[in-house]
Amino acid sequence: MKHCLAYLPVLLLLFLSACAPPDAYHELSQALTAIQEGRLSDGLIHSELCLRSLPNDTNALLLNGYCQMMLSPDPNYKSAALFNLEKASRNSDTFAANLLYGWALCENKLYREAIPVLEKALEQMPPSSPQKGAILLLLSRCCVQSNLQEQGMRYSQPLRVYKPYRYWPEVYNNLGMLALKRADYQEADRCFRQALQLAPREPRLLQNLAVLHDLYLNDSRKARGYYLDFMATAKIEDNRELYLQVQKRVGQLAQRMKR
């Protein structure tokens, strides 16, 4: 989901403090320029230099946290990023700070903690902001992962009409997961298949459809077909144990179909 926050440096330009000391302001401006040009490592260095002079500056904390999150998967970066972004959110309680902190919590799979922060950002969102869809998608993801049915539907359904999110398979996969959890298996099937149309070779979608037909719809033939498609598209090195479990299940379903 990192790409949903790609606009953030432009947003933060509006929050740069004009009263910062000249040296610190220069480093802050350098950090922003570096991030806009995709030089995240340079942005990280400049924002760290700014924080040496202004350890509580919201803009420096946000830029620094953004760089550290984008430079993941190093877990040390993520831990430091959450510390700085939580501090910025607590100190300023602005739209930008809450949005970025909520995004970071979601990226770190702290879904329940992210929901109230993202909901606050949604309330604070400027009327002209084009980012409502991005916030709704983050909230949808968090609610699905937290098994919050009512909130999940509230944030997931509107995404069907938001560009570009209405073309994203995650939107329909989330709706499918919500349908599955409320035992509406036919709706889950429709949503998962709609997601698969948008991403025909996505292993997670094929796995979801396989499990749905295997355990809930009792359709061994379709389940086996989706499991085989999953095996054809998944990378065994990503999760060898899961791959072998699916392989075993394919054999079991083949035996069942012979009876």
C-alpha atoms as a PDB file:
ATOM      1  CA  MET A   1       0.000   0.000   0.000  1.00  0.00           C
ATOM      2  CA  LYS A   2       3.009   2.235   0.105  1.00  0.00           C
ATOM      3  CA  HIS A   3       2.220   3.736  -3.283  1.00  0.00           C
ATOM      4  CA  CYS A   4      -1.040   5.203  -1.919  1.00  0.00           C
ATOM      5  CA  LEU A   5       1.046   7.693   0.071  1.00  0.00           C
ATOM      6  CA  ALA A   6       3.289   8.685  -2.823  1.00  0.00           C
ATOM      7  CA  TYR A   7       1.650  12.123  -2.848  1.00  0.00           C
ATOM      8  CA  LEU A   8       2.690  12.818   0.745  1.00  0.00           C
ATOM      9  CA  PRO A   9       5.814  14.940   0.099  1.00  0.00           C
ATOM     10  CA  VAL A  10       3.686  17.365  -1.917  1.00  0.00           C
ATOM     11  CA  LEU A  11       1.160  17.462   0.914  1.00  0.00           C
ATOM     12  CA  LEU A  12       3.882  18.128   3.461  1.00  0.00           C
ATOM     13  CA  LEU A  13       5.118  21.107   1.475  1.00  0.00           C
ATOM     14  CA  LEU A  14       2.092  22.957   2.823  1.00  0.00           C
ATOM     15  CA  PHE A  15       3.170  22.280   6.402  1.00  0.00           C
ATOM     16  CA  LEU A  16       6.826  23.369   6.262  1.00  0.00           C
ATOM     17  CA  SER A  17       7.486  25.880   9.016  1.00  0.00           C
ATOM     18  CA  ALA A  18       8.619  29.301   7.877  1.00  0.00           C
ATOM     19  CA  CYS A  19      10.029  30.111  11.311  1.00  0.00           C
ATOM     20  CA  ALA A  20      12.516  27.225  11.454  1.00  0.00           C
ATOM     21  CA  PRO A  21      16.210  28.184  11.903  1.00  0.00           C
ATOM     22  CA  PRO A  22      17.887  28.694   8.476  1.00  0.00           C
ATOM     23  CA  ASP A  23      20.207  25.670   8.718  1.00  0.00           C
ATOM     24  CA  ALA A  24      17.418  23.360   9.837  1.00  0.00           C
ATOM     25  CA  TYR A  25      15.051  24.716   7.195  1.00  0.00           C
ATOM     26  CA  HIS A  26      17.665  24.079   4.544  1.00  0.00           C
ATOM     27  CA  GLU A  27      17.985  20.436   5.618  1.00  0.00           C
ATOM     28  CA  LEU A  28      14.201  20.101   5.683  1.00  0.00           C
ATOM     29  CA  SER A  29      13.930  21.513   2.173  1.00  0.00           C
ATOM     30  CA  GLN A  30      16.719  19.220   0.993  1.00  0.00           C
ATOM     31  CA  ALA A  31      14.908  16.243   2.503  1.00  0.00           C
ATOM     32  CA  LEU A  32      11.682  17.160   0.742  1.00  0.00           C
ATOM     33  CA  THR A  33      13.432  17.644  -2.599  1.00  0.00           C
ATOM     34  CA  ALA A  34      15.234  14.325  -2.263  1.00  0.00           C
ATOM     35  CA  ILE A  35      11.985  12.482  -1.515  1.00  0.00           C
ATOM     36  CA  GLN A  36      10.199  14.110  -4.439  1.00  0.00           C
ATOM     37  CA  GLU A  37      13.040  12.931  -6.697  1.00  0.00           C
ATOM     38  CA  GLY A  38      12.900   9.403  -5.286  1.00  0.00           C
ATOM     39  CA  ARG A  39      16.200   9.654  -3.391  1.00  0.00           C
ATOM     40  CA  LEU A  40      14.865   8.264  -0.134  1.00  0.00           C
ATOM     41  CA  SER A  41      18.254   7.529   1.419  1.00  0.00           C
ATOM     42  CA  ASP A  42      19.270  11.164   0.924  1.00  0.00           C
ATOM     43  CA  GLY A  43      15.914  12.283   2.269  1.00  0.00           C
ATOM     44  CA  LEU A  44      16.491  10.173   5.355  1.00  0.00           C
ATOM     45  CA  ILE A  45      19.907  11.734   5.978  1.00  0.00           C
ATOM     46  CA  HIS A  46      18.688  15.324   5.539  1.00  0.00           C
ATOM     47  CA  SER A  47      15.655  14.771   7.777  1.00  0.00           C
ATOM     48  CA  GLU A  48      17.897  13.236  10.465  1.00  0.00           C
ATOM     49  CA  LEU A  49      20.189  16.278  10.318  1.00  0.00           C
ATOM     50  CA  CYS A  50      17.135  18.504  10.719  1.00  0.00           C
ATOM     51  CA  LEU A  51      15.977  16.491  13.743  1.00  0.00           C
ATOM     52  CA  ARG A  52      19.309  17.090  15.448  1.00  0.00           C
ATOM     53  CA  SER A  53      18.427  20.795  15.593  1.00  0.00           C
ATOM     54  CA  LEU A  54      14.663  20.409  15.877  1.00  0.00           C
ATOM     55  CA  PRO A  55      13.928  17.045  17.549  1.00  0.00           C
ATOM     56  CA  ASN A  56      10.214  17.780  17.903  1.00  0.00           C
ATOM     57  CA  ASP A  57       9.573  19.353  14.505  1.00  0.00           C
ATOM     58  CA  THR A  58       6.480  17.712  13.022  1.00  0.00           C
ATOM     59  CA  ASN A  59       7.555  18.077   9.398  1.00  0.00           C
ATOM     60  CA  ALA A  60      10.994  16.606  10.016  1.00  0.00           C
ATOM     61  CA  LEU A  61       9.464  13.718  11.967  1.00  0.00           C
ATOM     62  CA  LEU A  62       6.993  13.012   9.162  1.00  0.00           C
ATOM     63  CA  LEU A  63       9.592  13.136   6.398  1.00  0.00           C
ATOM     64  CA  ASN A  64      11.975  10.985   8.411  1.00  0.00           C
ATOM     65  CA  GLY A  65       9.275   8.452   9.255  1.00  0.00           C
ATOM     66  CA  TYR A  66       8.122   8.330   5.637  1.00  0.00           C
ATOM     67  CA  CYS A  67      11.655   7.589   4.415  1.00  0.00           C
ATOM     68  CA  GLN A  68      12.181   4.897   7.008  1.00  0.00           C
ATOM     69  CA  MET A  69       8.910   3.179   6.133  1.00  0.00           C
ATOM     70  CA  MET A  70       9.655   3.284   2.419  1.00  0.00           C
ATOM     71  CA  LEU A  71      13.153   1.918   3.018  1.00  0.00           C
ATOM     72  CA  SER A  72      11.705  -1.196   4.656  1.00  0.00           C
ATOM     73  CA  PRO A  73      11.848  -4.267   4.896  1.00  0.00           C
ATOM     74  CA  ASP A  74      14.548  -3.537   7.465  1.00  0.00           C
ATOM     75  CA  PRO A  75      12.625  -3.978  10.780  1.00  0.00           C
ATOM     76  CA  ASN A  76      14.859  -1.414  12.482  1.00  0.00           C
ATOM     77  CA  TYR A  77      13.616   1.215  10.056  1.00  0.00           C
ATOM     78  CA  LYS A  78       9.992   0.318  10.749  1.00  0.00           C
ATOM     79  CA  SER A  79      10.423   0.509  14.518  1.00  0.00           C
ATOM     80  CA  ALA A  80      12.072   3.926  14.334  1.00  0.00           C
ATOM     81  CA  ALA A  81       9.489   5.091  11.793  1.00  0.00           C
ATOM     82  CA  LEU A  82       6.579   4.250  14.094  1.00  0.00           C
ATOM     83  CA  PHE A  83       8.256   6.083  16.974  1.00  0.00           C
ATOM     84  CA  ASN A  84       8.724   9.265  14.943  1.00  0.00           C
ATOM     85  CA  LEU A  85       5.330   9.146  13.271  1.00  0.00           C
ATOM     86  CA  GLU A  86       3.504   8.505  16.543  1.00  0.00           C
ATOM     87  CA  LYS A  87       5.373  11.464  18.032  1.00  0.00           C
ATOM     88  CA  ALA A  88       4.388  13.694  15.106  1.00  0.00           C
ATOM     89  CA  SER A  89       0.754  12.595  15.380  1.00  0.00           C
ATOM     90  CA  ARG A  90       0.688  13.194  19.118  1.00  0.00           C
ATOM     91  CA  ASN A  91       2.400  16.588  18.867  1.00  0.00           C
ATOM     92  CA  SER A  92       0.430  18.084  16.000  1.00  0.00           C
ATOM     93  CA  ASP A  93      -2.745  15.985  15.493  1.00  0.00           C
ATOM     94  CA  THR A  94      -2.909  17.170  11.855  1.00  0.00           C
ATOM     95  CA  PHE A  95      -4.382  15.429   8.834  1.00  0.00           C
ATOM     96  CA  ALA A  96      -0.932  14.673   7.387  1.00  0.00           C
ATOM     97  CA  ALA A  97       0.439  13.352  10.676  1.00  0.00           C
ATOM     98  CA  ASN A  98      -2.541  11.109  11.396  1.00  0.00           C
ATOM     99  CA  LEU A  99      -2.736   9.822   7.839  1.00  0.00           C
ATOM    100  CA  LEU A 100       0.925   8.872   7.719  1.00  0.00           C
ATOM    101  CA  TYR A 101       0.938   7.355  11.205  1.00  0.00           C
ATOM    102  CA  GLY A 102      -2.196   5.341  10.427  1.00  0.00           C
ATOM    103  CA  TRP A 103      -0.656   4.114   7.179  1.00  0.00           C
ATOM    104  CA  ALA A 104       2.506   3.060   9.014  1.00  0.00           C
ATOM    105  CA  LEU A 105       0.486   1.169  11.629  1.00  0.00           C
ATOM    106  CA  CYS A 106      -1.394  -0.622   8.857  1.00  0.00           C
ATOM    107  CA  GLU A 107       1.856  -1.478   7.051  1.00  0.00           C
ATOM    108  CA  ASN A 108       3.151  -2.964  10.300  1.00  0.00           C
ATOM    109  CA  LYS A 109      -0.028  -5.063  10.645  1.00  0.00           C
ATOM    110  CA  LEU A 110      -1.157  -3.160  13.728  1.00  0.00           C
ATOM    111  CA  TYR A 111      -4.618  -3.019  12.234  1.00  0.00           C
ATOM    112  CA  ARG A 112      -6.799  -2.284  15.265  1.00  0.00           C
ATOM    113  CA  GLU A 113      -4.442   0.450  16.425  1.00  0.00           C
ATOM    114  CA  ALA A 114      -4.533   2.002  12.951  1.00  0.00           C
ATOM    115  CA  ILE A 115      -8.332   2.305  12.690  1.00  0.00           C
ATOM    116  CA  PRO A 116      -8.971   5.229  15.096  1.00  0.00           C
ATOM    117  CA  VAL A 117      -5.948   7.108  13.729  1.00  0.00           C
ATOM    118  CA  LEU A 118      -7.123   6.718  10.130  1.00  0.00           C
ATOM    119  CA  GLU A 119     -10.692   7.603  11.091  1.00  0.00           C
ATOM    120  CA  LYS A 120      -9.360  10.820  12.630  1.00  0.00           C
ATOM    121  CA  ALA A 121      -7.472  11.565   9.398  1.00  0.00           C
ATOM    122  CA  LEU A 122     -10.688  10.973   7.430  1.00  0.00           C
ATOM    123  CA  GLU A 123     -12.486  13.508   9.616  1.00  0.00           C
ATOM    124  CA  GLN A 124      -9.655  16.026   9.186  1.00  0.00           C
ATOM    125  CA  MET A 125      -9.303  15.526   5.429  1.00  0.00           C
ATOM    126  CA  PRO A 126      -9.505  18.835   3.526  1.00  0.00           C
ATOM    127  CA  PRO A 127     -12.618  19.072   1.331  1.00  0.00           C
ATOM    128  CA  SER A 128     -10.509  19.345  -1.823  1.00  0.00           C
ATOM    129  CA  SER A 129      -8.290  16.368  -1.002  1.00  0.00           C
ATOM    130  CA  PRO A 130      -8.286  13.612  -3.653  1.00  0.00           C
ATOM    131  CA  GLN A 131      -7.116  11.042  -1.137  1.00  0.00           C
ATOM    132  CA  LYS A 132     -10.395   9.852   0.355  1.00  0.00           C
ATOM    133  CA  GLY A 133     -10.194   6.622  -1.626  1.00  0.00           C
ATOM    134  CA  ALA A 134      -6.718   5.847  -0.289  1.00  0.00           C
ATOM    135  CA  ILE A 135      -7.878   6.340   3.298  1.00  0.00           C
ATOM    136  CA  LEU A 136     -10.976   4.207   2.726  1.00  0.00           C
ATOM    137  CA  LEU A 137      -8.817   1.408   1.306  1.00  0.00           C
ATOM    138  CA  LEU A 138      -6.526   1.503   4.343  1.00  0.00           C
ATOM    139  CA  LEU A 139      -9.541   1.413   6.660  1.00  0.00           C
ATOM    140  CA  SER A 140     -11.115  -1.399   4.636  1.00  0.00           C
ATOM    141  CA  ARG A 141      -7.939  -3.456   4.964  1.00  0.00           C
ATOM    142  CA  CYS A 142      -7.683  -2.826   8.702  1.00  0.00           C
ATOM    143  CA  CYS A 143     -11.329  -3.718   9.341  1.00  0.00           C
ATOM    144  CA  VAL A 144     -11.149  -6.930   7.328  1.00  0.00           C
ATOM    145  CA  GLN A 145      -8.018  -8.012   9.173  1.00  0.00           C
ATOM    146  CA  SER A 146      -9.713  -7.138  12.484  1.00  0.00           C
ATOM    147  CA  ASN A 147     -12.940  -8.967  11.538  1.00  0.00           C
ATOM    148  CA  LEU A 148     -15.038  -5.820  11.961  1.00  0.00           C
ATOM    149  CA  GLN A 149     -18.007  -6.506   9.707  1.00  0.00           C
ATOM    150  CA  GLU A 150     -20.037  -3.283   9.981  1.00  0.00           C
ATOM    151  CA  GLN A 151     -17.069  -0.931   9.752  1.00  0.00           C
ATOM    152  CA  GLY A 152     -15.539  -3.041   7.018  1.00  0.00           C
ATOM    153  CA  MET A 153     -18.623  -2.725   4.833  1.00  0.00           C
ATOM    154  CA  ARG A 154     -18.858   1.003   5.534  1.00  0.00           C
ATOM    155  CA  TYR A 155     -15.360   1.591   4.212  1.00  0.00           C
ATOM    156  CA  SER A 156     -15.218  -1.103   1.515  1.00  0.00           C
ATOM    157  CA  GLN A 157     -18.473  -0.570  -0.395  1.00  0.00           C
ATOM    158  CA  PRO A 158     -17.774   3.035  -1.512  1.00  0.00           C
ATOM    159  CA  LEU A 159     -14.495   1.952  -3.100  1.00  0.00           C
ATOM    160  CA  ARG A 160     -16.483   0.351  -5.918  1.00  0.00           C
ATOM    161  CA  VAL A 161     -16.956   3.845  -7.373  1.00  0.00           C
ATOM    162  CA  TYR A 162     -13.615   5.501  -6.571  1.00  0.00           C
ATOM    163  CA  LYS A 163     -10.981   5.678  -9.292  1.00  0.00           C
ATOM    164  CA  PRO A 164      -8.531   4.000  -9.465  1.00  0.00           C
ATOM    165  CA  TYR A 165      -9.542   1.766  -6.541  1.00  0.00           C
ATOM    166  CA  ARG A 166     -12.590   0.306  -8.238  1.00  0.00           C
ATOM    167  CA  TYR A 167     -10.119  -1.443 -10.544  1.00  0.00           C
ATOM    168  CA  TRP A 168      -8.021  -2.841  -7.695  1.00  0.00           C
ATOM    169  CA  PRO A 169      -8.457  -6.537  -6.846  1.00  0.00           C
ATOM    170  CA  GLU A 170      -7.910  -5.863  -3.127  1.00  0.00           C
ATOM    171  CA  VAL A 171     -11.224  -3.996  -2.958  1.00  0.00           C
ATOM    172  CA  TYR A 172     -13.196  -7.047  -4.112  1.00  0.00           C
ATOM    173  CA  ASN A 173     -11.057  -9.461  -2.145  1.00  0.00           C
ATOM    174  CA  ASN A 174     -11.859  -7.467   0.994  1.00  0.00           C
ATOM    175  CA  LEU A 175     -15.559  -7.537   0.162  1.00  0.00           C
ATOM    176  CA  GLY A 176     -15.258 -11.273  -0.410  1.00  0.00           C
ATOM    177  CA  MET A 177     -13.605 -11.806   2.963  1.00  0.00           C
ATOM    178  CA  LEU A 178     -16.349  -9.813   4.687  1.00  0.00           C
ATOM    179  CA  ALA A 179     -19.019 -11.885   2.895  1.00  0.00           C
ATOM    180  CA  LEU A 180     -17.250 -15.098   3.886  1.00  0.00           C
ATOM    181  CA  LYS A 181     -17.153 -14.072   7.540  1.00  0.00           C
ATOM    182  CA  ARG A 182     -20.902 -13.409   7.555  1.00  0.00           C
ATOM    183  CA  ALA A 183     -21.498 -16.780   5.841  1.00  0.00           C
ATOM    184  CA  ASP A 184     -22.730 -15.271   2.560  1.00  0.00           C
ATOM    185  CA  TYR A 185     -20.773 -17.746   0.474  1.00  0.00           C
ATOM    186  CA  GLN A 186     -22.313 -16.950  -2.910  1.00  0.00           C
ATOM    187  CA  GLU A 187     -21.494 -13.269  -2.489  1.00  0.00           C
ATOM    188  CA  ALA A 188     -17.981 -14.207  -1.403  1.00  0.00           C
ATOM    189  CA  ASP A 189     -17.619 -16.270  -4.588  1.00  0.00           C
ATOM    190  CA  ARG A 190     -18.808 -13.364  -6.745  1.00  0.00           C
ATOM    191  CA  CYS A 191     -16.418 -10.919  -5.087  1.00  0.00           C
ATOM    192  CA  PHE A 192     -13.405 -13.228  -5.232  1.00  0.00           C
ATOM    193  CA  ARG A 193     -14.085 -13.980  -8.919  1.00  0.00           C
ATOM    194  CA  GLN A 194     -14.411 -10.265  -9.652  1.00  0.00           C
ATOM    195  CA  ALA A 195     -11.042  -9.710  -7.982  1.00  0.00           C
ATOM    196  CA  LEU A 196      -9.568 -12.579 -10.011  1.00  0.00           C
ATOM    197  CA  GLN A 197     -10.747 -10.986 -13.248  1.00  0.00           C
ATOM    198  CA  LEU A 198      -8.614  -7.967 -12.360  1.00  0.00           C
ATOM    199  CA  ALA A 199      -5.608 -10.070 -11.319  1.00  0.00           C
ATOM    200  CA  PRO A 200      -5.892 -13.499 -12.997  1.00  0.00           C
ATOM    201  CA  ARG A 201      -2.576 -14.843 -11.702  1.00  0.00           C
ATOM    202  CA  GLU A 202      -2.731 -13.632  -8.111  1.00  0.00           C
ATOM    203  CA  PRO A 203      -2.047 -16.668  -5.851  1.00  0.00           C
ATOM    204  CA  ARG A 204      -3.865 -15.257  -2.831  1.00  0.00           C
ATOM    205  CA  LEU A 205      -7.117 -14.884  -4.788  1.00  0.00           C
ATOM    206  CA  LEU A 206      -6.818 -18.388  -6.183  1.00  0.00           C
ATOM    207  CA  GLN A 207      -6.198 -19.716  -2.684  1.00  0.00           C
ATOM    208  CA  ASN A 208      -9.246 -17.879  -1.324  1.00  0.00           C
ATOM    209  CA  LEU A 209     -11.460 -19.309  -4.060  1.00  0.00           C
ATOM    210  CA  ALA A 210     -10.047 -22.793  -3.528  1.00  0.00           C
ATOM    211  CA  VAL A 211     -10.713 -22.703   0.217  1.00  0.00           C
ATOM    212  CA  LEU A 212     -14.192 -21.253  -0.325  1.00  0.00           C
ATOM    213  CA  HIS A 213     -15.214 -24.055  -2.694  1.00  0.00           C
ATOM    214  CA  ASP A 214     -13.432 -26.710  -0.653  1.00  0.00           C
ATOM    215  CA  LEU A 215     -14.607 -25.942   2.884  1.00  0.00           C
ATOM    216  CA  TYR A 216     -17.766 -23.892   2.436  1.00  0.00           C
ATOM    217  CA  LEU A 217     -19.386 -24.707  -0.918  1.00  0.00           C
ATOM    218  CA  ASN A 218     -18.335 -28.396  -0.961  1.00  0.00           C
ATOM    219  CA  ASP A 219     -17.446 -28.283  -4.634  1.00  0.00           C
ATOM    220  CA  SER A 220     -14.428 -30.579  -4.913  1.00  0.00           C
ATOM    221  CA  ARG A 221     -14.003 -30.136  -8.651  1.00  0.00           C
ATOM    222  CA  LYS A 222     -13.799 -26.343  -8.559  1.00  0.00           C
ATOM    223  CA  ALA A 223     -11.741 -26.390  -5.387  1.00  0.00           C
ATOM    224  CA  ARG A 224      -9.189 -28.729  -6.961  1.00  0.00           C
ATOM    225  CA  GLY A 225      -9.039 -26.552 -10.069  1.00  0.00           C
ATOM    226  CA  TYR A 226      -8.336 -23.420  -8.059  1.00  0.00           C
ATOM    227  CA  TYR A 227      -5.744 -25.248  -5.938  1.00  0.00           C
ATOM    228  CA  LEU A 228      -3.968 -26.371  -9.118  1.00  0.00           C
ATOM    229  CA  ASP A 229      -4.055 -22.815 -10.472  1.00  0.00           C
ATOM    230  CA  PHE A 230      -2.611 -21.640  -7.170  1.00  0.00           C
ATOM    231  CA  MET A 231       0.240 -24.148  -7.449  1.00  0.00           C
ATOM    232  CA  ALA A 232       0.919 -23.010 -11.003  1.00  0.00           C
ATOM    233  CA  THR A 233       1.235 -19.347 -10.030  1.00  0.00           C
ATOM    234  CA  ALA A 234       2.625 -19.382  -6.469  1.00  0.00           C
ATOM    235  CA  LYS A 235       6.350 -19.323  -5.806  1.00  0.00           C
ATOM    236  CA  ILE A 236       7.173 -22.367  -3.739  1.00  0.00           C
ATOM    237  CA  GLU A 237      10.091 -20.597  -2.059  1.00  0.00           C
ATOM    238  CA  ASP A 238       7.745 -17.948  -0.639  1.00  0.00           C
ATOM    239  CA  ASN A 239       5.905 -20.494   1.521  1.00  0.00           C
ATOM    240  CA  ARG A 240       7.024 -24.054   0.993  1.00  0.00           C
ATOM    241  CA  GLU A 241       4.886 -25.413   3.835  1.00  0.00           C
ATOM    242  CA  LEU A 242       1.676 -23.958   2.383  1.00  0.00           C
ATOM    243  CA  TYR A 243       2.574 -25.184  -1.089  1.00  0.00           C
ATOM    244  CA  LEU A 244       3.042 -28.731   0.190  1.00  0.00           C
ATOM    245  CA  GLN A 245      -0.234 -28.581   2.126  1.00  0.00           C
ATOM    246  CA  VAL A 246      -2.069 -27.540  -1.028  1.00  0.00           C
ATOM    247  CA  GLN A 247      -0.354 -30.283  -2.992  1.00  0.00           C
ATOM    248  CA  LYS A 248      -1.541 -32.831  -0.429  1.00  0.00           C
ATOM    249  CA  ARG A 249      -5.081 -31.436  -0.514  1.00  0.00           C
ATOM    250  CA  VAL A 250      -5.194 -31.706  -4.312  1.00  0.00           C
ATOM    251  CA  GLY A 251      -4.470 -35.414  -3.977  1.00  0.00           C
ATOM    252  CA  GLN A 252      -7.166 -35.843  -1.333  1.00  0.00           C
ATOM    253  CA  LEU A 253      -9.741 -34.096  -3.491  1.00  0.00           C
ATOM    254  CA  ALA A 254      -8.812 -36.274  -6.471  1.00  0.00           C
ATOM    255  CA  GLN A 255      -9.488 -39.365  -4.358  1.00  0.00           C
ATOM    256  CA  ARG A 256     -12.804 -37.944  -3.170  1.00  0.00           C
ATOM    257  CA  MET A 257     -13.929 -37.261  -6.741  1.00  0.00           C
ATOM    258  CA  LYS A 258     -13.347 -40.927  -7.666  1.00  0.00           C
ATOM    259  CA  ARG A 259     -15.836 -42.161  -5.098  1.00  0.00           C
END
